[in-house]
């Protein structure tokens, strides 16, 4: 270390064994300064490494592009295979049902238009010539077209939308089902053609005409191996649709109970053609002459059937309340169903019934009177037949109702305004006693549940309790209004074992 010159470089100090590995002499710029080393992209620090990575990435991109092309080709192959499988969500049958919903999205176009012929041709293309629509119903695609025209003529057809949501595959058939929504408007023609039984109920007609409704439904297509629909089922929820308008299930039940709507949602089809044989038939409608029903007494073979006929006659004759003056049918009921000598013997059942109907018609605007369930009867004992039935009175509250039934609430203008003009449905329990030997009605009792009828109008329980407690029903309709439940008045039937003869009879 001693004697080293100050300007002596460090390389001179390296041992002789390493002197051969001297580094390259760096290139210098013109001004004598060395070049700065060029840095590569990212972490690679050098241009060669950067170029190598870029080349590898380019190869990866090319490989991915080729893989995408292969997947696209595979997708085309799978789509072609799906089209050959008719029972998939993308199959031909599913597309055919969606096309059916699109073609009839606005119903059937008027006759004479070119599109109407196209729709009919499309219907024949989809449906089998002998397509089944239900038990006892006519068959064929033309029947479906006629029903589509009925929906357009009887209702104001707004729109029909739907989507396939279920596919079931069997051995020799495919069932394709769709959930649909049908929007329509109720017109006067709707009432005349579908609900003719409420033509006289202007209070109900006024609530329906002009209202829009949305009805949920479902149609199911049953396809055979040839791709034709050999069975067509339709489900329409009329109850929910009209509940959105009327809001009262009892009124909707009265509306749809005798509507001309048959099985499979078909309109204007007679009940004899589509009702199952074991289905309970609706009660007979009221006629202008009840004498014909009374003359058929000898055709009734058992006391139970005879008593049932009396109940049916009562609800048929007073279906719209007591007419003033009473109609011929109502006069005949009073004449033939009660003993003419009952008043002289002190039996006031006939006079009590007349007074109640007169008082009810005077106090309320009686819109209709309906039976709610099958009558219960006890005709096994030697005593008179006891009949129980549940009914509903459709009553409109008028200003005269306030004066006669609710005079104590007259100072309360808010309560009066809530009640006047409203329609209430009042449940009632009826009890009839019929003499087996003569066939005459010997006893009549009735209990009205006014609180249940007014609960929909008076939501406040305190207001409801006040109005009902102040009602003069006993003074207006008589003592039977406050009778206890009639179920306690029936004698207890003695249990007995039924034989095969009893069942067959």
Foldseek 3Di string as FASTA:
>chain_A
DPPDDPPDDPLVVDDPVCNVPDDDDADADPVGHGDDADAEPDPPGDPVVNVVVVVVVVVVVVVVVVVVVVVVVVVVVVLVVQCVVQQDCSYPLQVLVQVLQVLCFQFADDPPDPSNVVNLVSLPVAADQFADEAFLDGGGSVLVNVQSVCCVVQWVWDGKDWHWDDWDDDDFKIKIKIKMKTKTAHAPSNCVFWPVVCPVQVVVVVQRHGDMWMKIKMKMFIAGPVNHGRYIAIGICPQVRCCVRPVDSVVSCVRPVPTQAAHRRGGPDDCVRHPDPPDDDDQDAADLACVVLVVCLVVDDDPVVLVQSLVSLVQRLQFQAADVVGGNSVVVNLVRQADPCCVVVVQCQSVLVVQLRVLQVQQWVWGGKAWDDRWDWDDPDQFFIKIKTKMKTWTAGAPSNCVQWVVVCVVVVVVVVLRHGDIWIKMKMKMWTANPVRRHTRHIAMEIDVLVRCCVSDVDPVVSVVRVVRTPCCVRNHDSHPDPDCVVVDDDDDDDDDDPVNVVD
